[in-house]
PDB file of N, CA and C in Angstrom:
ATOM      1  N   UNK A   1       0.829  -0.794  -0.135  1.00  0.00           N
ATOM      2  CA  UNK A   1       0.157   0.030  -0.052  1.00  0.00           C
ATOM      3  C   UNK A   1       1.133   1.598   0.138  1.00  0.00           C
ATOM      4  N   UNK A   2       0.463   2.130  -0.798  1.00  0.00           N
ATOM      5  CA  UNK A   2       0.901   3.572  -0.646  1.00  0.00           C
ATOM      6  C   UNK A   2       0.220   4.610   0.140  1.00  0.00           C
ATOM      7  N   UNK A   3       0.893   5.562   0.591  1.00  0.00           N
ATOM      8  CA  UNK A   3       0.142   6.770   1.427  1.00  0.00           C
ATOM      9  C   UNK A   3      -0.505   7.415   0.460  1.00  0.00           C
ATOM     10  N   UNK A   4      -1.972   8.336   0.385  1.00  0.00           N
ATOM     11  CA  UNK A   4      -2.185   9.206  -0.677  1.00  0.00           C
ATOM     12  C   UNK A   4      -0.954  10.398  -1.400  1.00  0.00           C
ATOM     13  N   UNK A   5      -0.252  10.814  -0.204  1.00  0.00           N
ATOM     14  CA  UNK A   5       0.603  11.789  -0.647  1.00  0.00           C
ATOM     15  C   UNK A   5       1.469  10.813  -1.100  1.00  0.00           C
ATOM     16  N   UNK A   6       2.113   9.999  -1.793  1.00  0.00           N
ATOM     17  CA  UNK A   6       3.005   8.818  -2.369  1.00  0.00           C
ATOM     18  C   UNK A   6       1.987   9.215  -3.386  1.00  0.00           C
ATOM     19  N   UNK A   7       0.846   9.206  -3.816  1.00  0.00           N
ATOM     20  CA  UNK A   7       0.078   8.691  -4.752  1.00  0.00           C
ATOM     21  C   UNK A   7      -0.354  10.145  -5.658  1.00  0.00           C
ATOM     22  N   UNK A   8      -0.226  11.354  -4.784  1.00  0.00           N
ATOM     23  CA  UNK A   8       0.091  12.369  -6.020  1.00  0.00           C
ATOM     24  C   UNK A   8       1.345  12.617  -6.112  1.00  0.00           C
ATOM     25  N   UNK A   9       2.180  12.142  -5.685  1.00  0.00           N
ATOM     26  CA  UNK A   9       2.588  12.644  -6.504  1.00  0.00           C
ATOM     27  C   UNK A   9       3.476  11.943  -8.308  1.00  0.00           C
ATOM     28  N   UNK A  10       2.395  11.443  -8.607  1.00  0.00           N
ATOM     29  CA  UNK A  10       2.588  10.493 -10.046  1.00  0.00           C
ATOM     30  C   UNK A  10       1.449  11.437 -10.882  1.00  0.00           C
ATOM     31  N   UNK A  11       2.406  11.998 -11.930  1.00  0.00           N
ATOM     32  CA  UNK A  11       1.479  12.763 -12.909  1.00  0.00           C
ATOM     33  C   UNK A  11       0.963  12.098 -13.619  1.00  0.00           C
ATOM     34  N   UNK A  12      -0.346  12.837 -13.894  1.00  0.00           N
ATOM     35  CA  UNK A  12      -0.353  12.180 -14.949  1.00  0.00           C
ATOM     36  C   UNK A  12      -1.202  12.864 -15.886  1.00  0.00           C
ATOM     37  N   UNK A  13      -1.110  12.667 -16.925  1.00  0.00           N
ATOM     38  CA  UNK A  13      -1.271  13.956 -18.007  1.00  0.00           C
ATOM     39  C   UNK A  13      -2.067  13.207 -19.243  1.00  0.00           C
ATOM     40  N   UNK A  14      -2.934  14.203 -19.970  1.00  0.00           N
ATOM     41  CA  UNK A  14      -3.750  13.545 -21.551  1.00  0.00           C
ATOM     42  C   UNK A  14      -2.857  14.367 -21.933  1.00  0.00           C
ATOM     43  N   UNK A  15      -2.496  13.540 -23.186  1.00  0.00           N
ATOM     44  CA  UNK A  15      -1.522  13.569 -24.522  1.00  0.00           C
ATOM     45  C   UNK A  15      -2.294  13.140 -25.428  1.00  0.00           C
ATOM     46  N   UNK A  16      -1.548  13.916 -26.653  1.00  0.00           N
ATOM     47  CA  UNK A  16      -2.519  13.399 -28.558  1.00  0.00           C
ATOM     48  C   UNK A  16      -1.505  13.038 -28.849  1.00  0.00           C
ATOM     49  N   UNK A  17      -1.725  11.836 -29.336  1.00  0.00           N
ATOM     50  CA  UNK A  17      -0.593  11.112 -30.428  1.00  0.00           C
ATOM     51  C   UNK A  17      -0.433  11.526 -31.826  1.00  0.00           C
ATOM     52  N   UNK A  18       0.842  12.346 -31.944  1.00  0.00           N
ATOM     53  CA  UNK A  18       1.597  12.877 -33.377  1.00  0.00           C
ATOM     54  C   UNK A  18       1.862  11.937 -34.225  1.00  0.00           C
ATOM     55  N   UNK A  19       2.391  11.142 -33.658  1.00  0.00           N
ATOM     56  CA  UNK A  19       3.155  10.171 -34.973  1.00  0.00           C
ATOM     57  C   UNK A  19       3.707   8.711 -34.113  1.00  0.00           C
ATOM     58  N   UNK A  20       3.364   7.693 -34.741  1.00  0.00           N
ATOM     59  CA  UNK A  20       3.132   6.521 -34.429  1.00  0.00           C
ATOM     60  C   UNK A  20       3.857   5.582 -35.128  1.00  0.00           C
ATOM     61  N   UNK A  21       4.773   4.975 -34.573  1.00  0.00           N
ATOM     62  CA  UNK A  21       5.896   4.037 -35.979  1.00  0.00           C
ATOM     63  C   UNK A  21       6.391   2.648 -34.915  1.00  0.00           C
ATOM     64  N   UNK A  22       6.628   1.640 -35.883  1.00  0.00           N
ATOM     65  CA  UNK A  22       6.970   0.454 -35.074  1.00  0.00           C
ATOM     66  C   UNK A  22       8.483   0.959 -34.316  1.00  0.00           C
ATOM     67  N   UNK A  23       8.861  -0.286 -33.583  1.00  0.00           N
ATOM     68  CA  UNK A  23      10.369   0.058 -32.974  1.00  0.00           C
ATOM     69  C   UNK A  23      11.420  -1.119 -33.876  1.00  0.00           C
ATOM     70  N   UNK A  24      12.327   0.220 -33.914  1.00  0.00           N
ATOM     71  CA  UNK A  24      13.151  -0.435 -35.381  1.00  0.00           C
ATOM     72  C   UNK A  24      13.910  -2.006 -34.427  1.00  0.00           C
ATOM     73  N   UNK A  25      13.798  -2.345 -33.100  1.00  0.00           N
ATOM     74  CA  UNK A  25      14.811  -3.242 -32.868  1.00  0.00           C
ATOM     75  C   UNK A  25      13.680  -3.797 -31.597  1.00  0.00           C
ATOM     76  N   UNK A  26      12.289  -3.898 -31.841  1.00  0.00           N
ATOM     77  CA  UNK A  26      11.758  -4.750 -30.943  1.00  0.00           C
ATOM     78  C   UNK A  26      10.170  -5.301 -31.305  1.00  0.00           C
ATOM     79  N   UNK A  27       9.611  -6.340 -31.793  1.00  0.00           N
ATOM     80  CA  UNK A  27       8.159  -7.194 -32.133  1.00  0.00           C
ATOM     81  C   UNK A  27       6.790  -6.303 -31.339  1.00  0.00           C
ATOM     82  N   UNK A  28       7.487  -6.560 -30.061  1.00  0.00           N
ATOM     83  CA  UNK A  28       5.966  -5.438 -29.557  1.00  0.00           C
ATOM     84  C   UNK A  28       5.808  -4.172 -28.927  1.00  0.00           C
ATOM     85  N   UNK A  29       6.978  -3.258 -29.577  1.00  0.00           N
ATOM     86  CA  UNK A  29       7.143  -2.000 -29.077  1.00  0.00           C
ATOM     87  C   UNK A  29       6.267  -0.863 -30.052  1.00  0.00           C
ATOM     88  N   UNK A  30       5.801  -0.137 -30.063  1.00  0.00           N
ATOM     89  CA  UNK A  30       5.573   1.347 -31.028  1.00  0.00           C
ATOM     90  C   UNK A  30       6.496   2.411 -30.408  1.00  0.00           C
ATOM     91  N   UNK A  31       7.222   3.257 -31.560  1.00  0.00           N
ATOM     92  CA  UNK A  31       7.446   4.292 -30.456  1.00  0.00           C
ATOM     93  C   UNK A  31       6.018   5.408 -31.023  1.00  0.00           C
ATOM     94  N   UNK A  32       6.175   6.357 -30.074  1.00  0.00           N
ATOM     95  CA  UNK A  32       5.070   7.636 -30.105  1.00  0.00           C
ATOM     96  C   UNK A  32       5.927   8.183 -29.917  1.00  0.00           C
ATOM     97  N   UNK A  33       5.181   9.955 -30.559  1.00  0.00           N
ATOM     98  CA  UNK A  33       5.354  10.483 -30.582  1.00  0.00           C
ATOM     99  C   UNK A  33       4.195  11.263 -30.010  1.00  0.00           C
ATOM    100  N   UNK A  34       4.535  12.134 -28.966  1.00  0.00           N
ATOM    101  CA  UNK A  34       3.213  12.522 -28.183  1.00  0.00           C
ATOM    102  C   UNK A  34       3.236  14.261 -27.888  1.00  0.00           C
ATOM    103  N   UNK A  35       1.908  15.010 -27.904  1.00  0.00           N
ATOM    104  CA  UNK A  35       2.013  16.434 -28.141  1.00  0.00           C
ATOM    105  C   UNK A  35       1.402  16.334 -26.394  1.00  0.00           C
ATOM    106  N   UNK A  36       2.262  17.137 -24.857  1.00  0.00           N
ATOM    107  CA  UNK A  36       1.295  17.375 -23.848  1.00  0.00           C
ATOM    108  C   UNK A  36       0.601  18.532 -23.440  1.00  0.00           C
ATOM    109  N   UNK A  37       0.715  19.759 -24.728  1.00  0.00           N
ATOM    110  CA  UNK A  37       0.482  21.319 -24.881  1.00  0.00           C
ATOM    111  C   UNK A  37       1.295  21.996 -24.637  1.00  0.00           C
ATOM    112  N   UNK A  38       2.600  21.865 -23.918  1.00  0.00           N
ATOM    113  CA  UNK A  38       3.116  23.203 -23.362  1.00  0.00           C
ATOM    114  C   UNK A  38       4.739  22.144 -24.335  1.00  0.00           C
ATOM    115  N   UNK A  39       4.854  20.823 -24.141  1.00  0.00           N
ATOM    116  CA  UNK A  39       5.640  20.168 -24.958  1.00  0.00           C
ATOM    117  C   UNK A  39       5.533  18.907 -25.477  1.00  0.00           C
ATOM    118  N   UNK A  40       6.042  18.413 -26.200  1.00  0.00           N
ATOM    119  CA  UNK A  40       6.368  17.143 -26.654  1.00  0.00           C
ATOM    120  C   UNK A  40       7.380  16.111 -26.595  1.00  0.00           C
ATOM    121  N   UNK A  41       7.090  15.107 -26.470  1.00  0.00           N
ATOM    122  CA  UNK A  41       7.538  14.046 -25.751  1.00  0.00           C
ATOM    123  C   UNK A  41       7.677  12.629 -26.969  1.00  0.00           C
ATOM    124  N   UNK A  42       8.787  11.781 -26.312  1.00  0.00           N
ATOM    125  CA  UNK A  42       8.447  10.618 -27.131  1.00  0.00           C
ATOM    126  C   UNK A  42       8.700   9.438 -26.112  1.00  0.00           C
ATOM    127  N   UNK A  43       7.210   8.811 -26.227  1.00  0.00           N
ATOM    128  CA  UNK A  43       7.330   7.186 -25.749  1.00  0.00           C
ATOM    129  C   UNK A  43       7.601   5.765 -26.101  1.00  0.00           C
ATOM    130  N   UNK A  44       7.650   5.196 -25.750  1.00  0.00           N
ATOM    131  CA  UNK A  44       7.999   3.662 -26.047  1.00  0.00           C
ATOM    132  C   UNK A  44       6.938   2.471 -25.457  1.00  0.00           C
ATOM    133  N   UNK A  45       5.882   2.452 -26.464  1.00  0.00           N
ATOM    134  CA  UNK A  45       5.005   1.601 -25.695  1.00  0.00           C
ATOM    135  C   UNK A  45       4.775  -0.359 -26.112  1.00  0.00           C
ATOM    136  N   UNK A  46       4.681  -0.830 -25.451  1.00  0.00           N
ATOM    137  CA  UNK A  46       4.506  -2.293 -25.886  1.00  0.00           C
ATOM    138  C   UNK A  46       3.178  -2.695 -26.116  1.00  0.00           C
ATOM    139  N   UNK A  47       2.616  -2.233 -26.971  1.00  0.00           N
ATOM    140  CA  UNK A  47       1.067  -1.966 -27.608  1.00  0.00           C
ATOM    141  C   UNK A  47       1.010  -2.481 -29.074  1.00  0.00           C
ATOM    142  N   UNK A  48       2.157  -2.784 -29.378  1.00  0.00           N
ATOM    143  CA  UNK A  48       2.294  -2.906 -31.151  1.00  0.00           C
ATOM    144  C   UNK A  48       1.337  -4.170 -31.679  1.00  0.00           C
ATOM    145  N   UNK A  49       1.350  -5.197 -30.809  1.00  0.00           N
ATOM    146  CA  UNK A  49       0.483  -6.315 -31.268  1.00  0.00           C
ATOM    147  C   UNK A  49      -0.925  -5.974 -31.294  1.00  0.00           C
ATOM    148  N   UNK A  50      -1.607  -4.552 -30.558  1.00  0.00           N
ATOM    149  CA  UNK A  50      -2.885  -4.884 -30.372  1.00  0.00           C
ATOM    150  C   UNK A  50      -3.526  -2.971 -30.921  1.00  0.00           C
ATOM    151  N   UNK A  51      -2.722  -2.999 -31.471  1.00  0.00           N
ATOM    152  CA  UNK A  51      -2.565  -1.252 -32.074  1.00  0.00           C
ATOM    153  C   UNK A  51      -1.940  -1.114 -33.056  1.00  0.00           C
ATOM    154  N   UNK A  52      -2.149  -0.727 -34.445  1.00  0.00           N
ATOM    155  CA  UNK A  52      -1.352  -0.405 -35.888  1.00  0.00           C
ATOM    156  C   UNK A  52      -1.459   1.265 -35.659  1.00  0.00           C
ATOM    157  N   UNK A  53       0.288   1.401 -35.910  1.00  0.00           N
ATOM    158  CA  UNK A  53       0.456   2.894 -35.554  1.00  0.00           C
ATOM    159  C   UNK A  53      -0.267   3.731 -36.372  1.00  0.00           C
ATOM    160  N   UNK A  54      -0.787   3.538 -37.540  1.00  0.00           N
ATOM    161  CA  UNK A  54      -2.299   4.745 -38.474  1.00  0.00           C
ATOM    162  C   UNK A  54      -3.313   4.646 -37.273  1.00  0.00           C
ATOM    163  N   UNK A  55      -3.936   3.840 -36.618  1.00  0.00           N
ATOM    164  CA  UNK A  55      -4.965   3.884 -36.267  1.00  0.00           C
ATOM    165  C   UNK A  55      -4.529   4.646 -34.541  1.00  0.00           C
ATOM    166  N   UNK A  56      -3.482   4.837 -34.250  1.00  0.00           N
ATOM    167  CA  UNK A  56      -3.208   5.643 -32.987  1.00  0.00           C
ATOM    168  C   UNK A  56      -2.936   7.177 -32.964  1.00  0.00           C
ATOM    169  N   UNK A  57      -2.641   7.696 -34.458  1.00  0.00           N
ATOM    170  CA  UNK A  57      -2.251   9.224 -34.405  1.00  0.00           C
ATOM    171  C   UNK A  57      -3.552  10.119 -34.363  1.00  0.00           C
ATOM    172  N   UNK A  58      -3.626  10.949 -33.656  1.00  0.00           N
ATOM    173  CA  UNK A  58      -4.492  11.758 -33.512  1.00  0.00           C
ATOM    174  C   UNK A  58      -5.385  11.319 -32.365  1.00  0.00           C
ATOM    175  N   UNK A  59      -5.379  10.441 -31.484  1.00  0.00           N
ATOM    176  CA  UNK A  59      -5.949   9.651 -30.271  1.00  0.00           C
ATOM    177  C   UNK A  59      -5.558  10.400 -28.764  1.00  0.00           C
ATOM    178  N   UNK A  60      -6.135  10.199 -28.243  1.00  0.00           N
ATOM    179  CA  UNK A  60      -5.735  11.030 -26.839  1.00  0.00           C
ATOM    180  C   UNK A  60      -5.569   9.862 -26.129  1.00  0.00           C
ATOM    181  N   UNK A  61      -4.258  10.215 -24.934  1.00  0.00           N
ATOM    182  CA  UNK A  61      -4.113   8.788 -24.395  1.00  0.00           C
ATOM    183  C   UNK A  61      -3.825   9.488 -22.796  1.00  0.00           C
ATOM    184  N   UNK A  62      -3.485   8.773 -21.539  1.00  0.00           N
ATOM    185  CA  UNK A  62      -3.087   9.026 -20.444  1.00  0.00           C
ATOM    186  C   UNK A  62      -1.519   8.835 -20.631  1.00  0.00           C
ATOM    187  N   UNK A  63      -0.607   9.474 -19.922  1.00  0.00           N
ATOM    188  CA  UNK A  63       0.417   9.167 -19.898  1.00  0.00           C
ATOM    189  C   UNK A  63       1.089   9.548 -17.911  1.00  0.00           C
ATOM    190  N   UNK A  64       2.252   8.515 -18.001  1.00  0.00           N
ATOM    191  CA  UNK A  64       2.431   9.579 -16.647  1.00  0.00           C
ATOM    192  C   UNK A  64       3.620  10.374 -17.048  1.00  0.00           C
ATOM    193  N   UNK A  65       3.894  11.306 -16.771  1.00  0.00           N
ATOM    194  CA  UNK A  65       4.926  12.384 -17.041  1.00  0.00           C
ATOM    195  C   UNK A  65       5.916  12.351 -16.293  1.00  0.00           C
ATOM    196  N   UNK A  66       6.296  11.855 -14.918  1.00  0.00           N
ATOM    197  CA  UNK A  66       7.262  12.336 -14.367  1.00  0.00           C
ATOM    198  C   UNK A  66       8.041  10.862 -13.785  1.00  0.00           C
ATOM    199  N   UNK A  67       8.036  10.114 -14.794  1.00  0.00           N
ATOM    200  CA  UNK A  67       8.728   8.930 -14.793  1.00  0.00           C
ATOM    201  C   UNK A  67      10.704   9.576 -15.115  1.00  0.00           C
ATOM    202  N   UNK A  68      11.087   8.615 -14.468  1.00  0.00           N
ATOM    203  CA  UNK A  68      12.816   8.992 -15.185  1.00  0.00           C
ATOM    204  C   UNK A  68      12.890   8.382 -16.586  1.00  0.00           C
ATOM    205  N   UNK A  69      13.714   9.350 -17.572  1.00  0.00           N
ATOM    206  CA  UNK A  69      13.703   8.536 -18.882  1.00  0.00           C
ATOM    207  C   UNK A  69      14.370   7.167 -18.887  1.00  0.00           C
ATOM    208  N   UNK A  70      14.002   5.978 -19.774  1.00  0.00           N
ATOM    209  CA  UNK A  70      14.206   5.039 -20.155  1.00  0.00           C
ATOM    210  C   UNK A  70      14.973   4.460 -20.924  1.00  0.00           C
ATOM    211  N   UNK A  71      15.469   3.791 -21.761  1.00  0.00           N
ATOM    212  CA  UNK A  71      15.771   3.441 -22.929  1.00  0.00           C
ATOM    213  C   UNK A  71      15.436   1.768 -23.097  1.00  0.00           C
ATOM    214  N   UNK A  72      14.276   2.025 -23.530  1.00  0.00           N
ATOM    215  CA  UNK A  72      14.148   0.339 -24.090  1.00  0.00           C
ATOM    216  C   UNK A  72      14.642  -0.178 -25.421  1.00  0.00           C
ATOM    217  N   UNK A  73      15.199  -0.933 -25.224  1.00  0.00           N
ATOM    218  CA  UNK A  73      15.810  -1.639 -26.981  1.00  0.00           C
ATOM    219  C   UNK A  73      16.525  -0.871 -27.496  1.00  0.00           C
ATOM    220  N   UNK A  74      17.412   0.304 -26.855  1.00  0.00           N
ATOM    221  CA  UNK A  74      17.916   1.366 -27.313  1.00  0.00           C
ATOM    222  C   UNK A  74      17.295   2.287 -27.446  1.00  0.00           C
ATOM    223  N   UNK A  75      15.847   2.666 -27.383  1.00  0.00           N
ATOM    224  CA  UNK A  75      15.085   4.615 -27.855  1.00  0.00           C
ATOM    225  C   UNK A  75      14.801   4.400 -26.841  1.00  0.00           C
ATOM    226  N   UNK A  76      14.916   5.923 -26.542  1.00  0.00           N
ATOM    227  CA  UNK A  76      14.655   6.407 -25.443  1.00  0.00           C
ATOM    228  C   UNK A  76      13.312   6.886 -25.242  1.00  0.00           C
ATOM    229  N   UNK A  77      12.865   6.297 -23.811  1.00  0.00           N
ATOM    230  CA  UNK A  77      11.218   6.903 -23.032  1.00  0.00           C
ATOM    231  C   UNK A  77      11.326   7.631 -22.288  1.00  0.00           C
ATOM    232  N   UNK A  78      10.076   9.057 -22.982  1.00  0.00           N
ATOM    233  CA  UNK A  78      10.581  10.154 -21.671  1.00  0.00           C
ATOM    234  C   UNK A  78       8.984   9.711 -21.119  1.00  0.00           C
ATOM    235  N   UNK A  79       8.193   9.036 -20.532  1.00  0.00           N
ATOM    236  CA  UNK A  79       6.904   8.491 -19.995  1.00  0.00           C
ATOM    237  C   UNK A  79       6.600   7.518 -20.259  1.00  0.00           C
ATOM    238  N   UNK A  80       5.439   7.202 -19.633  1.00  0.00           N
ATOM    239  CA  UNK A  80       4.517   5.527 -19.924  1.00  0.00           C
ATOM    240  C   UNK A  80       3.251   5.574 -20.546  1.00  0.00           C
ATOM    241  N   UNK A  81       2.714   5.304 -20.860  1.00  0.00           N
ATOM    242  CA  UNK A  81       1.295   4.944 -21.876  1.00  0.00           C
ATOM    243  C   UNK A  81       0.599   4.339 -21.024  1.00  0.00           C
ATOM    244  N   UNK A  82      -0.575   4.609 -20.267  1.00  0.00           N
ATOM    245  CA  UNK A  82      -1.146   4.103 -19.371  1.00  0.00           C
ATOM    246  C   UNK A  82      -2.559   3.047 -20.169  1.00  0.00           C
ATOM    247  N   UNK A  83      -2.664   1.333 -19.705  1.00  0.00           N
ATOM    248  CA  UNK A  83      -3.232   0.674 -20.736  1.00  0.00           C
ATOM    249  C   UNK A  83      -3.875  -0.165 -19.690  1.00  0.00           C
ATOM    250  N   UNK A  84      -5.079  -0.829 -20.076  1.00  0.00           N
ATOM    251  CA  UNK A  84      -5.234  -1.967 -19.203  1.00  0.00           C
ATOM    252  C   UNK A  84      -4.977  -3.423 -19.643  1.00  0.00           C
ATOM    253  N   UNK A  85      -4.970  -4.484 -19.162  1.00  0.00           N
ATOM    254  CA  UNK A  85      -4.790  -5.667 -19.823  1.00  0.00           C
ATOM    255  C   UNK A  85      -6.121  -6.705 -18.543  1.00  0.00           C
ATOM    256  N   UNK A  86      -6.083  -7.536 -19.931  1.00  0.00           N
ATOM    257  CA  UNK A  86      -6.644  -8.707 -19.051  1.00  0.00           C
ATOM    258  C   UNK A  86      -6.457  -9.885 -19.338  1.00  0.00           C
ATOM    259  N   UNK A  87      -4.883 -10.142 -20.026  1.00  0.00           N
ATOM    260  CA  UNK A  87      -4.149 -11.003 -20.360  1.00  0.00           C
ATOM    261  C   UNK A  87      -4.446 -11.647 -21.757  1.00  0.00           C
ATOM    262  N   UNK A  88      -5.099 -10.845 -22.503  1.00  0.00           N
ATOM    263  CA  UNK A  88      -5.059 -11.235 -23.701  1.00  0.00           C
ATOM    264  C   UNK A  88      -5.733 -10.466 -24.942  1.00  0.00           C
ATOM    265  N   UNK A  89      -6.246  -8.897 -24.377  1.00  0.00           N
ATOM    266  CA  UNK A  89      -6.036  -7.864 -24.794  1.00  0.00           C
ATOM    267  C   UNK A  89      -5.441  -6.477 -24.297  1.00  0.00           C
ATOM    268  N   UNK A  90      -4.585  -5.686 -24.501  1.00  0.00           N
ATOM    269  CA  UNK A  90      -4.456  -4.554 -24.358  1.00  0.00           C
ATOM    270  C   UNK A  90      -4.784  -3.190 -24.637  1.00  0.00           C
ATOM    271  N   UNK A  91      -5.871  -2.063 -23.864  1.00  0.00           N
ATOM    272  CA  UNK A  91      -6.836  -1.684 -24.411  1.00  0.00           C
ATOM    273  C   UNK A  91      -5.926  -0.005 -23.743  1.00  0.00           C
ATOM    274  N   UNK A  92      -5.829   0.590 -24.394  1.00  0.00           N
ATOM    275  CA  UNK A  92      -5.379   2.374 -24.127  1.00  0.00           C
ATOM    276  C   UNK A  92      -6.279   3.128 -23.378  1.00  0.00           C
ATOM    277  N   UNK A  93      -5.536   3.529 -21.845  1.00  0.00           N
ATOM    278  CA  UNK A  93      -6.542   4.772 -21.310  1.00  0.00           C
ATOM    279  C   UNK A  93      -6.664   6.255 -22.158  1.00  0.00           C
ATOM    280  N   UNK A  94      -7.891   6.373 -22.108  1.00  0.00           N
ATOM    281  CA  UNK A  94      -7.989   7.668 -23.102  1.00  0.00           C
ATOM    282  C   UNK A  94      -9.102   8.702 -22.278  1.00  0.00           C
ATOM    283  N   UNK A  95      -9.134   9.383 -22.425  1.00  0.00           N
ATOM    284  CA  UNK A  95     -10.329  10.012 -21.539  1.00  0.00           C
ATOM    285  C   UNK A  95     -11.666   9.663 -22.441  1.00  0.00           C
ATOM    286  N   UNK A  96     -12.743  10.039 -21.981  1.00  0.00           N
ATOM    287  CA  UNK A  96     -14.034  10.150 -22.232  1.00  0.00           C
ATOM    288  C   UNK A  96     -14.568  11.165 -23.604  1.00  0.00           C
ATOM    289  N   UNK A  97     -13.658  12.032 -23.127  1.00  0.00           N
ATOM    290  CA  UNK A  97     -14.033  13.005 -23.996  1.00  0.00           C
ATOM    291  C   UNK A  97     -12.768  13.820 -24.814  1.00  0.00           C
ATOM    292  N   UNK A  98     -12.733  15.168 -25.725  1.00  0.00           N
ATOM    293  CA  UNK A  98     -11.653  15.009 -25.797  1.00  0.00           C
ATOM    294  C   UNK A  98     -11.208  16.598 -25.319  1.00  0.00           C
ATOM    295  N   UNK A  99     -10.451  16.451 -24.764  1.00  0.00           N
ATOM    296  CA  UNK A  99      -9.858  17.513 -23.698  1.00  0.00           C
ATOM    297  C   UNK A  99      -8.213  18.193 -24.113  1.00  0.00           C
ATOM    298  N   UNK A 100      -7.714  19.407 -23.730  1.00  0.00           N
ATOM    299  CA  UNK A 100      -6.853  19.578 -23.936  1.00  0.00           C
ATOM    300  C   UNK A 100      -5.404  19.149 -23.850  1.00  0.00           C
ATOM    301  N   UNK A 101      -4.174  18.928 -24.388  1.00  0.00           N
ATOM    302  CA  UNK A 101      -3.026  17.849 -24.326  1.00  0.00           C
ATOM    303  C   UNK A 101      -2.249  18.627 -23.216  1.00  0.00           C
ATOM    304  N   UNK A 102      -1.998  17.946 -22.232  1.00  0.00           N
ATOM    305  CA  UNK A 102      -1.587  18.903 -20.622  1.00  0.00           C
ATOM    306  C   UNK A 102      -2.432  18.690 -19.906  1.00  0.00           C
ATOM    307  N   UNK A 103      -3.697  18.562 -19.978  1.00  0.00           N
ATOM    308  CA  UNK A 103      -4.564  18.093 -18.612  1.00  0.00           C
ATOM    309  C   UNK A 103      -4.039  17.333 -17.761  1.00  0.00           C
ATOM    310  N   UNK A 104      -4.953  17.768 -16.429  1.00  0.00           N
ATOM    311  CA  UNK A 104      -3.496  16.690 -15.574  1.00  0.00           C
ATOM    312  C   UNK A 104      -5.165  16.270 -15.470  1.00  0.00           C
ATOM    313  N   UNK A 105      -4.775  14.703 -14.744  1.00  0.00           N
ATOM    314  CA  UNK A 105      -5.876  13.657 -14.792  1.00  0.00           C
ATOM    315  C   UNK A 105      -5.869  13.316 -13.037  1.00  0.00           C
ATOM    316  N   UNK A 106      -6.680  13.513 -12.684  1.00  0.00           N
ATOM    317  CA  UNK A 106      -6.689  13.543 -10.973  1.00  0.00           C
ATOM    318  C   UNK A 106      -8.142  12.204 -10.674  1.00  0.00           C
TER     319      UNK A 106
END
């Protein structure tokens, strides 16, 4: 269990996907260019078998924005896309209605 103060440290924001392409060195990863309103970032997400790159462009997603940068198979990821999984499918988390990129999720 974590405290409410620890949970509040996690920054969740809405981002709009501007570009999506397969990771050059991984079968299950996509490289996404996202717009967070005040900045653009690159994230790497393990959703390739569940989403085609072209169907993601323009969609809004929920992203953890205050994680340390990580390299996934040699490609830098500056955040984490949130998704749900039931063991068979992966479904990305999206806002119910469109909202400005960078909007805080609480």
